[in-house]
N, C-alpha and C. Protein backbone atom coordinates (compact mmCIF):
# COMPACT_ATOMS: atom_id res chain seq x y z
N MET A 1 0.94 -1.27 -0.06
CA MET A 1 0.19 0.01 0.03
C MET A 1 1.18 1.29 -0.10
N SER A 2 0.29 2.37 -0.91
CA SER A 2 1.28 3.52 -0.76
C SER A 2 1.29 4.34 0.22
N ILE A 3 2.11 5.31 0.61
CA ILE A 3 1.92 6.23 1.83
C ILE A 3 0.77 7.29 1.27
N THR A 4 0.35 7.36 0.21
CA THR A 4 -0.41 8.22 -0.20
C THR A 4 -2.29 7.84 0.14
N HIS A 5 -2.33 6.41 0.39
CA HIS A 5 -3.71 5.92 0.86
C HIS A 5 -3.73 5.83 2.04
N ILE A 6 -2.90 6.34 3.27
CA ILE A 6 -2.94 6.16 4.36
C ILE A 6 -3.64 7.61 5.23
N LYS A 7 -4.66 7.36 5.79
CA LYS A 7 -4.95 8.84 6.32
C LYS A 7 -4.14 9.75 7.11
N THR A 8 -4.91 10.45 7.16
CA THR A 8 -3.75 11.73 7.77
C THR A 8 -3.36 11.76 8.89
N ASN A 9 -4.43 11.33 9.72
CA ASN A 9 -4.09 10.73 11.51
C ASN A 9 -2.84 9.69 11.44
N LYS A 10 -2.94 8.71 10.83
CA LYS A 10 -1.89 7.93 10.73
C LYS A 10 -0.68 8.32 10.32
N LYS A 11 -0.49 9.35 9.61
CA LYS A 11 0.72 10.16 9.14
C LYS A 11 1.01 10.78 9.99
N ILE A 12 0.41 11.34 10.68
CA ILE A 12 0.68 12.23 11.65
C ILE A 12 1.26 11.49 13.00
N GLU A 13 0.88 10.17 13.10
CA GLU A 13 1.58 9.49 14.49
C GLU A 13 2.69 8.80 13.91
N VAL A 14 2.77 8.92 12.70
CA VAL A 14 4.53 8.38 12.01
C VAL A 14 5.04 9.38 12.08
N LEU A 15 4.52 10.69 12.15
CA LEU A 15 5.80 11.85 12.35
C LEU A 15 5.95 12.09 13.32
N LEU A 16 5.13 11.68 14.57
CA LEU A 16 5.23 12.02 15.82
C LEU A 16 6.34 10.82 16.26
N ARG A 17 5.96 9.93 16.17
CA ARG A 17 6.44 8.97 16.30
C ARG A 17 8.63 8.88 15.77
N LEU A 18 8.95 9.38 14.32
CA LEU A 18 9.89 9.92 13.83
C LEU A 18 10.50 11.10 14.77
N LEU A 19 9.73 12.06 15.21
CA LEU A 19 10.48 13.35 15.81
C LEU A 19 10.78 12.52 17.33
N LYS A 20 10.15 11.77 17.67
CA LYS A 20 10.47 11.30 19.00
C LYS A 20 11.81 10.54 18.94
N GLU A 21 12.23 9.81 17.60
CA GLU A 21 13.28 9.33 17.93
C GLU A 21 14.45 9.85 16.81
N ASN A 22 14.34 11.14 17.07
CA ASN A 22 15.25 12.64 16.79
C ASN A 22 15.61 12.83 15.63
N GLU A 23 14.47 12.48 14.61
CA GLU A 23 14.46 12.91 13.04
C GLU A 23 14.33 14.61 13.32
N SER A 24 14.88 14.80 12.00
CA SER A 24 14.67 16.35 11.75
C SER A 24 13.15 16.26 11.66
N LEU A 25 12.48 17.69 11.56
CA LEU A 25 11.17 18.37 11.12
C LEU A 25 11.19 17.68 9.37
N GLN A 26 11.91 18.08 8.63
CA GLN A 26 11.72 17.66 7.13
C GLN A 26 12.09 16.50 7.01
N ASP A 27 12.89 15.77 7.50
CA ASP A 27 12.89 14.22 7.53
C ASP A 27 11.56 13.57 7.59
N ALA A 28 11.30 13.85 8.65
CA ALA A 28 10.03 12.90 9.62
C ALA A 28 9.12 13.28 8.68
N SER A 29 8.63 14.69 8.05
CA SER A 29 7.52 15.00 7.58
C SER A 29 8.01 14.28 5.93
N SER A 30 8.81 14.05 5.57
CA SER A 30 9.24 13.60 4.06
C SER A 30 8.49 11.98 4.36
N LYS A 31 9.29 11.26 5.21
CA LYS A 31 8.86 9.84 5.63
C LYS A 31 7.63 9.25 5.92
N ALA A 32 7.02 10.82 6.58
CA ALA A 32 5.22 10.31 6.75
C ALA A 32 4.57 10.63 5.91
N GLY A 33 5.03 11.18 4.63
CA GLY A 33 4.82 11.31 3.38
C GLY A 33 3.52 12.84 3.82
N LEU A 34 4.01 14.07 4.72
CA LEU A 34 3.33 15.40 4.66
C LEU A 34 4.22 16.18 4.40
N ASN A 35 3.40 17.01 3.15
CA ASN A 35 4.27 18.13 2.96
C ASN A 35 4.97 19.24 4.39
N ILE A 36 6.10 19.66 4.03
CA ILE A 36 6.64 20.36 4.96
C ILE A 36 5.42 21.31 5.86
N GLU A 37 5.24 22.09 4.58
CA GLU A 37 4.19 23.57 4.89
C GLU A 37 2.77 22.76 6.08
N LYS A 38 2.48 21.50 5.73
CA LYS A 38 1.40 21.14 5.85
C LYS A 38 1.79 20.46 7.73
N THR A 39 3.12 20.06 7.56
CA THR A 39 3.60 19.50 8.96
C THR A 39 3.66 20.90 9.64
N LYS A 40 4.31 22.01 9.26
CA LYS A 40 4.45 23.01 10.16
C LYS A 40 3.15 23.54 10.76
N LEU A 41 2.10 23.84 9.81
CA LEU A 41 0.42 24.08 10.47
C LEU A 41 0.24 23.06 11.47
N ILE A 42 0.38 21.93 11.20
CA ILE A 42 -0.08 20.87 12.22
C ILE A 42 0.63 21.12 13.51
N MET A 43 2.03 21.31 13.50
CA MET A 43 2.74 21.55 14.94
C MET A 43 2.29 22.89 15.50
N THR A 44 2.27 23.94 14.45
CA THR A 44 1.51 25.51 15.10
C THR A 44 0.43 25.13 16.02
N LYS A 45 -0.77 24.38 15.33
CA LYS A 45 -1.80 23.98 15.74
C LYS A 45 -1.86 23.24 17.01
N TYR A 46 -1.11 22.54 17.00
CA TYR A 46 -0.33 21.42 18.41
C TYR A 46 -0.26 22.24 19.75
N ASN A 47 1.02 23.19 19.24
CA ASN A 47 1.53 23.94 20.26
C ASN A 47 0.48 25.09 20.86
N ASN A 48 -0.61 25.24 20.14
CA ASN A 48 -1.68 26.06 20.66
C ASN A 48 -2.38 25.57 21.30
N LEU A 49 -2.50 24.52 21.97
CA LEU A 49 -3.62 23.56 22.55
C LEU A 49 -3.30 23.88 23.66
């Protein structure tokens, strides 16, 4: 299955796991199948909660 067929919430789970493992934001975003701009928006939203 391609990463493009995975729901965004699963991609975010992958992103968070990779960040926890000290991946850079850009690398983690790419590996999770997320656009870096979208990732920054998600992180900004998360930080504002």
